[in-house]
Protein backbone atom coordinates (compact mmCIF):
# COMPACT_ATOMS: atom_id res chain seq x y z
CA MET A 1 128.95 128.01 114.42
CA ASN A 2 128.16 124.29 114.07
CA ASN A 3 124.89 122.88 112.73
CA SER A 4 123.58 121.92 116.17
CA ILE A 5 123.92 125.48 117.49
CA LYS A 6 122.36 126.92 114.32
CA ILE A 7 119.38 124.59 114.63
CA LEU A 8 118.98 125.38 118.34
CA LEU A 9 118.99 129.13 117.65
CA PHE A 10 116.48 128.67 114.86
CA PHE A 11 114.23 126.59 117.11
CA ALA A 12 114.42 129.20 119.88
CA PHE A 13 113.25 131.86 117.42
CA SER A 14 110.67 129.68 115.69
CA LEU A 15 109.21 128.63 119.05
CA CYS A 16 108.20 132.26 119.67
CA ILE A 17 106.68 132.46 116.20
CA SER A 18 104.88 129.13 116.32
CA LYS A 19 103.17 129.97 119.59
CA LEU A 20 101.70 133.08 117.98
CA SER A 21 100.82 131.56 114.61
CA ALA A 22 98.97 128.43 113.54
CA GLN A 23 100.60 128.50 110.11
CA ASP A 24 102.28 125.35 108.89
CA PHE A 25 106.00 125.32 108.28
CA GLU A 26 106.84 126.27 104.68
CA GLY A 27 110.36 125.76 103.45
CA ALA A 28 112.96 123.01 103.18
CA LEU A 29 114.51 120.51 105.56
CA ILE A 30 117.88 119.00 104.66
CA TYR A 31 118.68 115.61 106.12
CA LYS A 32 122.03 113.88 106.26
CA THR A 33 121.68 110.15 105.69
CA ASP A 34 123.44 107.11 107.09
CA ILE A 35 123.08 103.37 107.15
CA GLU A 36 123.64 100.70 109.79
CA LEU A 37 123.88 96.92 109.46
CA SER A 38 122.79 94.37 112.04
CA PRO A 39 125.45 92.12 113.61
CA VAL A 40 123.94 89.19 111.70
CA LEU A 41 124.63 90.83 108.33
CA SER A 42 128.14 91.78 109.43
CA GLN A 43 128.82 88.20 110.46
CA ILE A 44 128.01 86.92 106.96
CA GLY A 45 130.46 89.35 105.38
CA MET A 46 128.30 92.31 104.44
CA THR A 47 129.83 95.71 105.15
CA LYS A 48 128.44 99.22 105.21
CA GLN A 49 130.83 100.21 102.43
CA THR A 50 129.74 97.44 100.04
CA VAL A 51 126.04 98.06 100.67
CA LEU A 52 126.42 101.80 100.07
CA ALA A 53 128.47 101.22 96.93
CA LYS A 54 125.76 98.95 95.52
CA MET A 55 122.98 101.40 96.43
CA ARG A 56 124.86 104.31 94.83
CA GLU A 57 125.41 102.23 91.71
CA GLU A 58 121.66 101.61 91.53
CA ALA A 59 120.90 105.30 92.31
CA THR A 60 118.92 104.32 95.40
CA TRP A 61 121.11 106.19 97.89
CA SER A 62 122.21 109.76 98.55
CA ASP A 63 124.37 111.10 101.38
CA SER A 64 121.80 113.85 101.93
CA ILE A 65 118.30 114.76 100.80
CA GLU A 66 116.35 118.01 100.74
CA THR A 67 112.57 118.09 101.15
CA PHE A 68 110.45 121.16 100.39
CA TYR A 69 107.02 121.49 102.06
CA LYS A 70 104.11 123.71 101.05
CA GLN A 71 100.37 123.43 101.71
CA GLY A 72 100.21 119.64 102.00
CA ASN A 73 102.64 118.95 99.16
CA TYR A 74 106.29 117.94 99.32
CA TYR A 75 109.21 117.65 96.93
CA THR A 76 112.25 115.55 97.81
CA VAL A 77 115.50 115.71 95.87
CA LYS A 78 118.68 113.70 96.27
CA MET A 79 121.77 115.86 96.75
CA ASN A 80 124.30 113.50 95.21
CA GLY A 81 124.31 114.92 91.70
CA ASP A 82 122.09 112.37 89.98
CA SER A 83 119.08 114.73 90.25
CA GLY A 84 116.76 111.97 91.47
CA TRP A 85 113.58 113.41 92.93
CA GLU A 86 109.97 112.69 93.83
CA VAL A 87 106.95 114.88 94.47
CA TYR A 88 103.78 114.30 96.45
CA ARG A 89 100.67 116.17 95.35
CA SER A 90 97.82 116.22 97.82
CA ASP A 91 95.25 116.92 95.08
CA SER A 92 95.93 113.56 93.41
CA ASN A 93 97.24 111.83 96.56
CA LYS A 94 100.09 110.34 94.54
CA VAL A 95 103.86 110.35 94.77
CA TYR A 96 105.51 110.86 91.37
CA SER A 97 109.10 110.14 90.39
CA PRO A 98 110.55 110.38 86.86
CA SER A 99 112.81 108.03 84.95
CA LYS A 100 116.29 109.28 84.10
CA ASP A 101 115.17 110.57 80.71
CA ASN A 102 112.00 112.10 82.24
CA ASP A 103 109.61 110.59 79.69
CA ILE A 104 108.22 107.91 82.02
CA TYR A 105 106.97 108.52 85.56
CA ILE A 106 106.26 106.10 88.37
CA ALA A 107 103.09 107.10 90.23
CA LYS A 108 102.49 105.62 93.68
CA ASP A 109 99.01 105.85 95.17
CA ALA A 110 99.67 107.21 98.66
CA SER A 111 96.42 105.69 99.96
CA VAL A 112 97.74 102.16 99.35
CA GLU A 113 99.87 100.66 102.11
CA GLY A 114 101.82 97.77 100.63
CA GLU A 115 102.07 95.44 103.60
CA THR A 116 98.40 95.93 104.46
CA LYS A 117 97.56 94.79 100.93
CA LEU A 118 99.90 91.81 101.15
CA PHE A 119 99.01 90.56 104.63
CA GLY A 120 95.65 92.19 105.34
CA LYS A 121 96.87 93.87 108.50
CA PRO A 122 97.65 97.60 108.88
CA PRO A 123 100.77 98.72 110.74
CA ARG A 124 100.67 99.41 114.46
CA VAL A 125 101.26 103.11 115.23
CA TRP A 126 101.90 104.52 118.71
CA LEU A 127 103.78 107.14 120.69
CA LEU A 128 106.68 105.53 122.53
CA ASP A 129 106.98 106.05 126.25
CA THR A 130 110.47 107.44 125.90
CA ILE A 131 112.41 110.65 125.37
CA ALA A 132 115.27 110.90 122.89
CA PHE A 133 117.63 113.65 121.76
CA VAL A 134 118.47 114.70 118.22
CA ASP A 135 121.40 117.14 118.19
CA SER A 136 120.54 118.18 121.76
CA ILE A 137 116.84 118.69 120.90
CA LYS A 138 114.48 116.83 123.23
CA CYS A 139 112.20 114.61 121.12
CA LYS A 140 109.30 112.24 121.37
CA VAL A 141 109.13 109.22 119.09
CA VAL A 142 106.26 107.80 117.03
CA ARG A 143 106.77 104.19 115.97
CA VAL A 144 105.15 102.68 112.89
CA GLU A 145 105.57 98.90 112.99
CA TRP A 146 104.93 96.55 110.09
CA ARG A 147 105.55 92.84 109.80
CA LEU A 148 108.61 93.54 107.63
CA GLY A 149 110.03 96.64 109.27
CA VAL A 150 109.82 99.55 111.69
CA PHE A 151 109.92 103.33 111.17
CA ASP A 152 110.68 105.64 114.10
CA TYR A 153 109.82 109.32 113.64
CA TYR A 154 111.55 111.69 116.11
CA PHE A 155 109.87 115.06 116.65
CA ASN A 156 109.40 118.02 118.96
CA ASP A 157 105.90 119.44 118.57
CA SER A 158 107.10 123.00 119.10
CA TYR A 159 109.09 122.98 115.88
CA PHE A 160 108.18 122.76 112.18
CA PRO A 161 104.41 122.68 112.89
CA THR A 162 102.30 120.87 110.33
CA ASN A 163 98.56 120.36 110.03
CA PRO A 164 98.06 116.63 109.31
CA GLU A 165 94.73 117.04 107.49
CA PRO A 166 96.13 117.91 104.02
CA TYR A 167 98.00 114.58 104.24
CA LYS A 168 94.93 112.62 105.32
CA GLY A 169 95.12 110.28 102.34
CA HIS A 170 98.87 109.67 102.68
CA ILE A 171 98.81 106.23 104.25
CA ARG A 172 102.12 105.04 102.78
CA GLU A 173 105.00 104.85 105.25
CA GLY A 174 102.60 105.73 108.06
CA TRP A 175 102.94 109.42 107.20
CA TYR A 176 99.44 110.59 108.09
CA ALA A 177 99.31 108.35 111.14
CA TYR A 178 102.56 109.91 112.34
CA LEU A 179 101.41 113.48 111.67
CA LYS A 180 98.11 112.91 113.51
CA ILE A 181 100.16 112.32 116.66
CA SER A 182 103.02 114.79 116.17
CA HIS A 183 101.52 117.75 114.28
CA ALA A 184 105.14 118.45 113.32
CA LEU A 185 107.70 117.43 110.71
CA PRO A 186 110.35 114.97 111.94
CA LEU A 187 113.83 115.91 113.11
CA GLN A 188 114.98 112.36 112.48
CA ILE A 189 113.60 109.27 110.76
CA VAL A 190 115.00 105.79 111.44
CA LYS A 191 113.86 103.09 109.03
CA THR A 192 114.70 99.48 109.91
CA ILE A 193 113.77 96.63 107.60
CA SER A 194 113.59 93.03 108.69
CA ILE A 195 116.68 91.88 106.76
CA GLY A 196 118.76 93.94 109.20
CA ILE A 197 119.43 97.23 107.42
CA THR A 198 118.68 100.53 109.16
CA MET A 199 118.58 103.87 107.32
CA VAL A 200 118.89 107.04 109.40
CA PHE A 201 117.83 110.50 108.21
CA THR A 202 118.89 113.30 110.59
CA LEU A 203 118.10 117.00 110.21
CA ALA A 204 121.26 118.90 109.28
CA SER A 205 119.89 122.30 108.26
CA TYR A 206 116.72 124.07 107.18
CA LYS A 207 115.37 126.93 105.04
CA ARG A 208 112.30 128.85 106.13
CA MET A 209 111.11 130.31 102.83
CA GLU A 210 108.25 130.75 100.42
CA VAL A 211 108.35 127.69 98.18
CA ASP A 212 107.51 128.18 94.51
CA SER A 213 104.37 126.17 93.65
CA ALA A 214 105.95 125.35 90.28
CA LEU A 215 108.22 122.93 92.13
CA PHE A 216 105.26 120.56 92.52
CA LYS A 217 104.15 120.77 88.89
CA ILE A 218 103.80 117.45 87.07
CA PRO A 219 103.28 117.16 83.29
CA ARG A 220 100.02 115.75 82.01
CA LEU A 221 100.31 111.98 82.27
CA LYS A 222 98.51 108.90 81.06
CA LYS A 223 98.89 105.25 81.95
CA SER A 224 101.73 103.67 80.00
CA LYS A 225 100.90 100.86 77.61
CA SER A 226 103.49 98.72 79.35
CA SER A 227 101.99 99.35 82.79
CA THR A 228 100.03 96.54 84.39
CA ASP A 229 97.31 96.75 87.03
CA ASN A 230 98.99 96.64 90.41
CA SER A 231 97.16 96.06 93.67
CA LEU A 232 100.03 97.86 95.44
CA GLY A 233 99.01 101.12 93.79
CA ILE A 234 102.10 101.60 91.62
CA GLU A 235 101.64 102.58 87.99
CA GLU A 236 103.93 103.46 85.13
CA MET A 237 102.83 106.68 83.47
CA GLU A 238 103.92 108.45 80.30
CA ILE A 239 103.75 112.10 79.29
CA VAL A 240 100.81 113.05 77.08
CA LYS A 241 102.25 114.56 73.91
């Protein structure tokens, strides 16, 4: 049975459940990832293979990612063996990611939207007047448009229901703005940046499960001595010993 049929069967079952229950989805979504280059980049000699090779070398790319959701928190891990991960905690409204040796963490304030800080203008967010399909699933699309890029979130509001309120402070990447419209986790995310690179994250499989709260645990941190004040809300933190 291929992934599309498995997902369709799951959705058929979860539709019956979601109509009877207001509970948010708890579990994990696994996305396969891909990249596309604009014709302009291809014309100047850039290829998908060279871009991916460079991103893998810099540990900024994985062929798939898994994201666990529970009570307004999420944990995302790369599935390419380098164990890169990040966790969002709604109580601090920050996204944390460790260095390779796990002694230094980068903490991003989710209430700070970078381009808004740089240009003084928030992104435009709206529901597109279009219908799309993700693995045969009929979807609506929420677009988040910045000066330097566009994110398209594909969703079907019958599946993976999510209350947006626990994410109210999560302004980064238009996450809360998207959830206010969809009330559901995305089946696909398409991120296009102005230089002509598009990253595509498409749902490949899922796990409906009780997620261990320990997954979102972060050690006690303090601001690193080498960290500087950053108006973009990004700080370097170190473990309190």
